[in-house]
C-alpha atoms as a PDB file:
ATOM      1  CA  UNK A   1      89.784 113.333  91.326  1.00  0.00           C
ATOM      2  CA  UNK A   2      89.387 115.171  94.621  1.00  0.00           C
ATOM      3  CA  UNK A   3      92.919 116.580  94.479  1.00  0.00           C
ATOM      4  CA  UNK A   4      92.459 117.718  90.824  1.00  0.00           C
ATOM      5  CA  UNK A   5      89.280 119.545  91.820  1.00  0.00           C
ATOM      6  CA  UNK A   6      91.056 121.166  94.737  1.00  0.00           C
ATOM      7  CA  UNK A   7      93.882 122.218  92.462  1.00  0.00           C
ATOM      8  CA  UNK A   8      91.355 123.842  90.005  1.00  0.00           C
ATOM      9  CA  UNK A   9      89.625 125.699  92.859  1.00  0.00           C
ATOM     10  CA  UNK A  10      92.992 127.020  94.172  1.00  0.00           C
ATOM     11  CA  UNK A  11      94.041 128.158  90.663  1.00  0.00           C
ATOM     12  CA  UNK A  12      90.689 129.819  90.127  1.00  0.00           C
ATOM     13  CA  UNK A  13      90.972 131.777  93.464  1.00  0.00           C
ATOM     14  CA  UNK A  14      94.464 132.892  92.501  1.00  0.00           C
ATOM     15  CA  UNK A  15      93.128 134.128  89.137  1.00  0.00           C
ATOM     16  CA  UNK A  16      90.304 136.039  90.680  1.00  0.00           C
ATOM     17  CA  UNK A  17      92.384 137.591  93.379  1.00  0.00           C
ATOM     18  CA  UNK A  18      94.591 139.291  90.749  1.00  0.00           C
ATOM     19  CA  UNK A  19      91.537 141.369  89.846  1.00  0.00           C
ATOM     20  CA  UNK A  20      90.315 144.052  92.365  1.00  0.00           C
ATOM     21  CA  UNK A  21      86.762 144.196  93.334  1.00  0.00           C
ATOM     22  CA  UNK A  22      84.797 147.397  92.655  1.00  0.00           C
ATOM     23  CA  UNK A  23      86.262 150.390  94.282  1.00  0.00           C
ATOM     24  CA  UNK A  24      89.415 148.584  95.359  1.00  0.00           C
ATOM     25  CA  UNK A  25      92.939 148.589  93.976  1.00  0.00           C
ATOM     26  CA  UNK A  26      94.649 145.475  92.835  1.00  0.00           C
ATOM     27  CA  UNK A  27      98.099 144.647  94.040  1.00  0.00           C
ATOM     28  CA  UNK A  28      99.499 145.521  90.690  1.00  0.00           C
ATOM     29  CA  UNK A  29      97.738 148.922  90.752  1.00  0.00           C
ATOM     30  CA  UNK A  30      99.099 149.637  94.299  1.00  0.00           C
ATOM     31  CA  UNK A  31     102.592 148.792  93.169  1.00  0.00           C
ATOM     32  CA  UNK A  32     102.103 151.004  90.087  1.00  0.00           C
ATOM     33  CA  UNK A  33     101.234 154.058  92.239  1.00  0.00           C
ATOM     34  CA  UNK A  34      97.516 154.238  91.653  1.00  0.00           C
ATOM     35  CA  UNK A  35      95.355 155.913  94.314  1.00  0.00           C
ATOM     36  CA  UNK A  36      91.689 155.214  95.009  1.00  0.00           C
ATOM     37  CA  UNK A  37      89.374 158.299  95.023  1.00  0.00           C
ATOM     38  CA  UNK A  38      86.281 156.542  96.120  1.00  0.00           C
ATOM     39  CA  UNK A  39      85.874 153.534  98.436  1.00  0.00           C
ATOM     40  CA  UNK A  40      82.265 152.759  97.597  1.00  0.00           C
ATOM     41  CA  UNK A  41      81.006 154.323 100.796  1.00  0.00           C
ATOM     42  CA  UNK A  42      82.458 157.784 101.636  1.00  0.00           C
ATOM     43  CA  UNK A  43      82.068 160.549  99.000  1.00  0.00           C
ATOM     44  CA  UNK A  44      83.482 163.325 101.226  1.00  0.00           C
ATOM     45  CA  UNK A  45      86.781 161.715 101.885  1.00  0.00           C
ATOM     46  CA  UNK A  46      88.160 162.606  98.480  1.00  0.00           C
ATOM     47  CA  UNK A  47      85.479 164.857  96.999  1.00  0.00           C
ATOM     48  CA  UNK A  48      83.551 167.932  97.882  1.00  0.00           C
ATOM     49  CA  UNK A  49      81.230 170.499  96.234  1.00  0.00           C
ATOM     50  CA  UNK A  50      82.842 173.288  94.178  1.00  0.00           C
ATOM     51  CA  UNK A  51      83.470 176.082  96.638  1.00  0.00           C
ATOM     52  CA  UNK A  52      82.073 173.915  99.371  1.00  0.00           C
ATOM     53  CA  UNK A  53      83.507 171.922 102.310  1.00  0.00           C
ATOM     54  CA  UNK A  54      81.382 168.833 101.788  1.00  0.00           C
ATOM     55  CA  UNK A  55      79.468 167.243  98.908  1.00  0.00           C
ATOM     56  CA  UNK A  56      76.092 168.526  97.896  1.00  0.00           C
ATOM     57  CA  UNK A  57      73.424 166.159  99.189  1.00  0.00           C
ATOM     58  CA  UNK A  58      72.001 165.268  95.759  1.00  0.00           C
ATOM     59  CA  UNK A  59      75.255 163.181  95.348  1.00  0.00           C
ATOM     60  CA  UNK A  60      74.521 159.882  97.104  1.00  0.00           C
ATOM     61  CA  UNK A  61      76.019 156.519  97.453  1.00  0.00           C
ATOM     62  CA  UNK A  62      73.987 153.753  95.637  1.00  0.00           C
ATOM     63  CA  UNK A  63      75.181 150.191  95.248  1.00  0.00           C
ATOM     64  CA  UNK A  64      78.787 151.159  95.574  1.00  0.00           C
ATOM     65  CA  UNK A  65      78.666 154.020  93.179  1.00  0.00           C
ATOM     66  CA  UNK A  66      78.462 157.840  93.451  1.00  0.00           C
ATOM     67  CA  UNK A  67      74.990 158.640  92.190  1.00  0.00           C
ATOM     68  CA  UNK A  68      73.518 162.026  91.321  1.00  0.00           C
ATOM     69  CA  UNK A  69      69.965 161.891  92.338  1.00  0.00           C
ATOM     70  CA  UNK A  70      67.804 164.700  90.821  1.00  0.00           C
ATOM     71  CA  UNK A  71      64.903 163.591  92.898  1.00  0.00           C
ATOM     72  CA  UNK A  72      66.660 164.385  96.098  1.00  0.00           C
ATOM     73  CA  UNK A  73      65.407 167.830  97.236  1.00  0.00           C
ATOM     74  CA  UNK A  74      68.731 168.696  98.840  1.00  0.00           C
ATOM     75  CA  UNK A  75      71.632 170.810  97.543  1.00  0.00           C
ATOM     76  CA  UNK A  76      73.139 170.362  94.011  1.00  0.00           C
ATOM     77  CA  UNK A  77      76.220 171.385  92.061  1.00  0.00           C
ATOM     78  CA  UNK A  78      79.345 169.817  90.707  1.00  0.00           C
ATOM     79  CA  UNK A  79      81.743 167.876  92.927  1.00  0.00           C
ATOM     80  CA  UNK A  80      85.449 168.214  92.764  1.00  0.00           C
ATOM     81  CA  UNK A  81      88.418 166.242  93.921  1.00  0.00           C
ATOM     82  CA  UNK A  82      89.957 167.554  97.153  1.00  0.00           C
ATOM     83  CA  UNK A  83      93.416 167.298  95.619  1.00  0.00           C
ATOM     84  CA  UNK A  84      94.729 169.009  92.522  1.00  0.00           C
ATOM     85  CA  UNK A  85      96.503 167.140  89.712  1.00  0.00           C
ATOM     86  CA  UNK A  86      98.857 168.154  86.838  1.00  0.00           C
ATOM     87  CA  UNK A  87      99.972 165.114  84.891  1.00  0.00           C
ATOM     88  CA  UNK A  88      98.031 161.933  85.488  1.00  0.00           C
ATOM     89  CA  UNK A  89      96.121 158.899  84.376  1.00  0.00           C
ATOM     90  CA  UNK A  90      92.526 159.143  85.760  1.00  0.00           C
ATOM     91  CA  UNK A  91      90.299 156.157  85.421  1.00  0.00           C
ATOM     92  CA  UNK A  92      86.626 155.590  86.350  1.00  0.00           C
ATOM     93  CA  UNK A  93      83.412 153.873  85.174  1.00  0.00           C
ATOM     94  CA  UNK A  94      80.173 155.628  84.429  1.00  0.00           C
ATOM     95  CA  UNK A  95      76.635 154.947  83.487  1.00  0.00           C
ATOM     96  CA  UNK A  96      73.565 157.144  82.846  1.00  0.00           C
ATOM     97  CA  UNK A  97      69.802 156.850  82.813  1.00  0.00           C
ATOM     98  CA  UNK A  98      67.872 157.466  79.629  1.00  0.00           C
ATOM     99  CA  UNK A  99      68.422 160.938  78.143  1.00  0.00           C
ATOM    100  CA  UNK A 100      70.956 161.851  80.724  1.00  0.00           C
ATOM    101  CA  UNK A 101      73.913 164.205  80.540  1.00  0.00           C
ATOM    102  CA  UNK A 102      76.985 164.632  82.694  1.00  0.00           C
ATOM    103  CA  UNK A 103      80.613 165.156  82.313  1.00  0.00           C
ATOM    104  CA  UNK A 104      84.127 164.497  83.716  1.00  0.00           C
ATOM    105  CA  UNK A 105      86.290 167.617  84.069  1.00  0.00           C
ATOM    106  CA  UNK A 106      90.053 168.001  84.681  1.00  0.00           C
ATOM    107  CA  UNK A 107      92.353 170.925  85.492  1.00  0.00           C
ATOM    108  CA  UNK A 108      89.391 172.787  87.037  1.00  0.00           C
ATOM    109  CA  UNK A 109      90.305 176.049  88.718  1.00  0.00           C
ATOM    110  CA  UNK A 110      88.540 176.988  91.955  1.00  0.00           C
ATOM    111  CA  UNK A 111      88.737 180.720  92.622  1.00  0.00           C
ATOM    112  CA  UNK A 112      86.561 183.787  93.123  1.00  0.00           C
ATOM    113  CA  UNK A 113      86.923 184.513  89.335  1.00  0.00           C
ATOM    114  CA  UNK A 114      84.646 181.473  88.442  1.00  0.00           C
ATOM    115  CA  UNK A 115      81.337 180.029  89.428  1.00  0.00           C
ATOM    116  CA  UNK A 116      81.555 176.585  87.825  1.00  0.00           C
ATOM    117  CA  UNK A 117      84.281 174.122  86.968  1.00  0.00           C
ATOM    118  CA  UNK A 118      83.313 174.207  83.265  1.00  0.00           C
ATOM    119  CA  UNK A 119      84.484 177.842  82.980  1.00  0.00           C
ATOM    120  CA  UNK A 120      88.053 176.598  83.100  1.00  0.00           C
ATOM    121  CA  UNK A 121      88.138 172.810  82.699  1.00  0.00           C
ATOM    122  CA  UNK A 122      88.270 170.599  79.619  1.00  0.00           C
ATOM    123  CA  UNK A 123      85.536 167.932  79.710  1.00  0.00           C
ATOM    124  CA  UNK A 124      85.149 164.320  78.653  1.00  0.00           C
ATOM    125  CA  UNK A 125      81.463 164.099  77.755  1.00  0.00           C
ATOM    126  CA  UNK A 126      79.172 161.604  79.481  1.00  0.00           C
ATOM    127  CA  UNK A 127      75.925 161.212  77.543  1.00  0.00           C
ATOM    128  CA  UNK A 128      73.023 159.104  76.380  1.00  0.00           C
ATOM    129  CA  UNK A 129      73.817 159.753  72.700  1.00  0.00           C
ATOM    130  CA  UNK A 130      70.533 158.364  71.456  1.00  0.00           C
ATOM    131  CA  UNK A 131      68.057 160.281  73.550  1.00  0.00           C
ATOM    132  CA  UNK A 132      69.799 163.449  74.692  1.00  0.00           C
ATOM    133  CA  UNK A 133      69.752 166.476  72.389  1.00  0.00           C
ATOM    134  CA  UNK A 134      73.461 166.849  72.683  1.00  0.00           C
ATOM    135  CA  UNK A 135      73.852 163.552  70.853  1.00  0.00           C
ATOM    136  CA  UNK A 136      72.952 165.308  67.630  1.00  0.00           C
ATOM    137  CA  UNK A 137      75.845 167.836  68.076  1.00  0.00           C
ATOM    138  CA  UNK A 138      79.246 167.230  66.681  1.00  0.00           C
ATOM    139  CA  UNK A 139      81.839 167.050  69.538  1.00  0.00           C
ATOM    140  CA  UNK A 140      79.114 166.722  72.172  1.00  0.00           C
ATOM    141  CA  UNK A 141      78.770 162.929  72.264  1.00  0.00           C
ATOM    142  CA  UNK A 142      80.014 160.454  74.862  1.00  0.00           C
ATOM    143  CA  UNK A 143      83.793 160.310  75.020  1.00  0.00           C
ATOM    144  CA  UNK A 144      84.288 163.539  73.118  1.00  0.00           C
ATOM    145  CA  UNK A 145      86.567 166.318  74.287  1.00  0.00           C
ATOM    146  CA  UNK A 146      83.440 168.495  74.763  1.00  0.00           C
ATOM    147  CA  UNK A 147      83.005 171.088  71.962  1.00  0.00           C
ATOM    148  CA  UNK A 148      86.613 170.702  70.899  1.00  0.00           C
ATOM    149  CA  UNK A 149      87.413 167.296  69.453  1.00  0.00           C
ATOM    150  CA  UNK A 150      85.206 164.543  68.124  1.00  0.00           C
ATOM    151  CA  UNK A 151      85.873 160.917  69.176  1.00  0.00           C
ATOM    152  CA  UNK A 152      87.727 158.779  66.727  1.00  0.00           C
ATOM    153  CA  UNK A 153      85.332 155.891  67.261  1.00  0.00           C
ATOM    154  CA  UNK A 154      81.752 155.429  68.562  1.00  0.00           C
ATOM    155  CA  UNK A 155      81.943 152.728  71.242  1.00  0.00           C
ATOM    156  CA  UNK A 156      79.687 153.982  74.069  1.00  0.00           C
ATOM    157  CA  UNK A 157      77.520 151.148  75.752  1.00  0.00           C
ATOM    158  CA  UNK A 158      73.837 151.248  75.965  1.00  0.00           C
ATOM    159  CA  UNK A 159      72.051 153.161  78.723  1.00  0.00           C
ATOM    160  CA  UNK A 160      72.345 151.380  82.002  1.00  0.00           C
ATOM    161  CA  UNK A 161      75.623 149.654  81.202  1.00  0.00           C
ATOM    162  CA  UNK A 162      78.996 150.738  82.643  1.00  0.00           C
ATOM    163  CA  UNK A 163      81.573 152.553  80.422  1.00  0.00           C
ATOM    164  CA  UNK A 164      85.199 152.462  81.523  1.00  0.00           C
ATOM    165  CA  UNK A 165      87.170 155.520  80.766  1.00  0.00           C
ATOM    166  CA  UNK A 166      90.687 156.799  81.167  1.00  0.00           C
ATOM    167  CA  UNK A 167      91.908 160.336  80.720  1.00  0.00           C
ATOM    168  CA  UNK A 168      95.655 160.747  80.421  1.00  0.00           C
ATOM    169  CA  UNK A 169      97.706 164.025  80.531  1.00  0.00           C
ATOM    170  CA  UNK A 170     101.454 163.657  80.111  1.00  0.00           C
ATOM    171  CA  UNK A 171     103.415 166.770  79.134  1.00  0.00           C
ATOM    172  CA  UNK A 172     101.036 168.527  76.757  1.00  0.00           C
ATOM    173  CA  UNK A 173      99.717 165.264  75.346  1.00  0.00           C
ATOM    174  CA  UNK A 174      96.138 164.453  75.999  1.00  0.00           C
ATOM    175  CA  UNK A 175      94.213 161.203  75.443  1.00  0.00           C
ATOM    176  CA  UNK A 176      90.751 160.074  76.189  1.00  0.00           C
ATOM    177  CA  UNK A 177      90.148 156.206  76.303  1.00  0.00           C
ATOM    178  CA  UNK A 178      86.720 154.684  76.309  1.00  0.00           C
ATOM    179  CA  UNK A 179      86.024 151.044  76.723  1.00  0.00           C
ATOM    180  CA  UNK A 180      89.416 150.021  75.836  1.00  0.00           C
ATOM    181  CA  UNK A 181      89.884 152.229  72.757  1.00  0.00           C
ATOM    182  CA  UNK A 182      91.679 155.578  72.415  1.00  0.00           C
ATOM    183  CA  UNK A 183      88.978 157.991  71.217  1.00  0.00           C
ATOM    184  CA  UNK A 184      90.772 161.287  71.550  1.00  0.00           C
ATOM    185  CA  UNK A 185      94.421 162.203  71.040  1.00  0.00           C
ATOM    186  CA  UNK A 186      95.530 165.782  70.837  1.00  0.00           C
ATOM    187  CA  UNK A 187      97.881 168.376  72.390  1.00  0.00           C
ATOM    188  CA  UNK A 188      97.223 171.161  74.947  1.00  0.00           C
ATOM    189  CA  UNK A 189      98.581 174.639  75.560  1.00  0.00           C
ATOM    190  CA  UNK A 190     100.074 174.970  72.068  1.00  0.00           C
ATOM    191  CA  UNK A 191      98.963 176.436  68.728  1.00  0.00           C
ATOM    192  CA  UNK A 192      96.778 173.376  68.262  1.00  0.00           C
ATOM    193  CA  UNK A 193      95.057 173.960  71.540  1.00  0.00           C
ATOM    194  CA  UNK A 194      94.632 177.616  70.909  1.00  0.00           C
ATOM    195  CA  UNK A 195      93.034 176.794  67.497  1.00  0.00           C
ATOM    196  CA  UNK A 196      90.647 174.318  69.035  1.00  0.00           C
ATOM    197  CA  UNK A 197      89.470 176.811  71.567  1.00  0.00           C
ATOM    198  CA  UNK A 198      89.181 179.668  69.039  1.00  0.00           C
ATOM    199  CA  UNK A 199      86.725 177.420  67.071  1.00  0.00           C
ATOM    200  CA  UNK A 200      84.613 176.481  70.071  1.00  0.00           C
ATOM    201  CA  UNK A 201      82.024 178.042  72.311  1.00  0.00           C
ATOM    202  CA  UNK A 202      84.869 178.753  74.688  1.00  0.00           C
ATOM    203  CA  UNK A 203      86.575 181.268  72.377  1.00  0.00           C
ATOM    204  CA  UNK A 204      85.650 184.307  74.575  1.00  0.00           C
ATOM    205  CA  UNK A 205      86.081 182.513  77.988  1.00  0.00           C
ATOM    206  CA  UNK A 206      89.326 183.957  79.400  1.00  0.00           C
ATOM    207  CA  UNK A 207      90.156 181.124  81.839  1.00  0.00           C
ATOM    208  CA  UNK A 208      89.162 178.129  79.746  1.00  0.00           C
ATOM    209  CA  UNK A 209      91.883 175.491  79.111  1.00  0.00           C
ATOM    210  CA  UNK A 210      94.684 177.660  80.500  1.00  0.00           C
ATOM    211  CA  UNK A 211      95.584 175.904  83.732  1.00  0.00           C
ATOM    212  CA  UNK A 212      98.047 173.002  83.819  1.00  0.00           C
ATOM    213  CA  UNK A 213      96.922 171.914  87.275  1.00  0.00           C
ATOM    214  CA  UNK A 214      93.625 171.690  88.929  1.00  0.00           C
ATOM    215  CA  UNK A 215      90.740 169.565  90.324  1.00  0.00           C
ATOM    216  CA  UNK A 216      88.855 166.701  88.696  1.00  0.00           C
ATOM    217  CA  UNK A 217      85.145 167.373  88.769  1.00  0.00           C
ATOM    218  CA  UNK A 218      81.906 165.417  88.121  1.00  0.00           C
ATOM    219  CA  UNK A 219      79.063 167.396  86.670  1.00  0.00           C
ATOM    220  CA  UNK A 220      75.722 167.934  88.054  1.00  0.00           C
ATOM    221  CA  UNK A 221      73.711 168.437  84.809  1.00  0.00           C
ATOM    222  CA  UNK A 222      70.421 167.655  86.575  1.00  0.00           C
ATOM    223  CA  UNK A 223      70.259 164.112  85.291  1.00  0.00           C
ATOM    224  CA  UNK A 224      70.766 160.686  86.900  1.00  0.00           C
ATOM    225  CA  UNK A 225      74.407 159.525  86.572  1.00  0.00           C
ATOM    226  CA  UNK A 226      76.579 157.037  88.398  1.00  0.00           C
ATOM    227  CA  UNK A 227      80.359 156.803  88.867  1.00  0.00           C
ATOM    228  CA  UNK A 228      82.519 154.110  90.398  1.00  0.00           C
ATOM    229  CA  UNK A 229      86.062 152.603  90.342  1.00  0.00           C
ATOM    230  CA  UNK A 230      87.473 156.202  90.456  1.00  0.00           C
ATOM    231  CA  UNK A 231      91.283 156.058  90.647  1.00  0.00           C
ATOM    232  CA  UNK A 232      94.257 158.123  89.728  1.00  0.00           C
ATOM    233  CA  UNK A 233      97.956 157.696  89.092  1.00  0.00           C
ATOM    234  CA  UNK A 234     100.112 160.849  89.371  1.00  0.00           C
ATOM    235  CA  UNK A 235     102.588 161.162  86.505  1.00  0.00           C
ATOM    236  CA  UNK A 236     104.037 164.419  87.795  1.00  0.00           C
END
């Protein structure tokens, strides 16, 4: 009986060791080329403010997550990845407080021509669908390709629970995944993309959705939001 129990414990430890803890990469992820963009402690290692050298102080670390704290009287603004990415798989988890709004941007351009990442970058919406006003707007709900494409399914978790998302760009193919389901599938930089932009609020924005390389960005929308397990795999 003693040896059987020992065997069960060993088997259990092997099972659990195959899964990485928060803000760590598993052995399989490392072998597959994934890179960690937040270690649970240091925001500035991989992130900084848009047009800044370090992160705005409203972005804090809380319980192993990057937390935007609107009650912090320091500096605000979106944070961007220090590196630029072209084709990739970008994965993270997010949660919001009641009535909160934020967003995950990709291919954000940083230049003197723009003041904010959203002027150039497509966005995966982060939202409390039930309590924020944007939840009543088509293509503005959690998981949506903001103001361009509505999610195929509604699967966001209740406020306070973590949502796991994946954004994938390969060639001109774009996918948004949320909580294990593909919620967006479309193409970029073609006639379809031009049509989507033409029918959106971005129609007159000269730089929107044009760049094929840029920064990831996490949005300061003035509301509490948390991000963790942020990782990327470069495809190209």
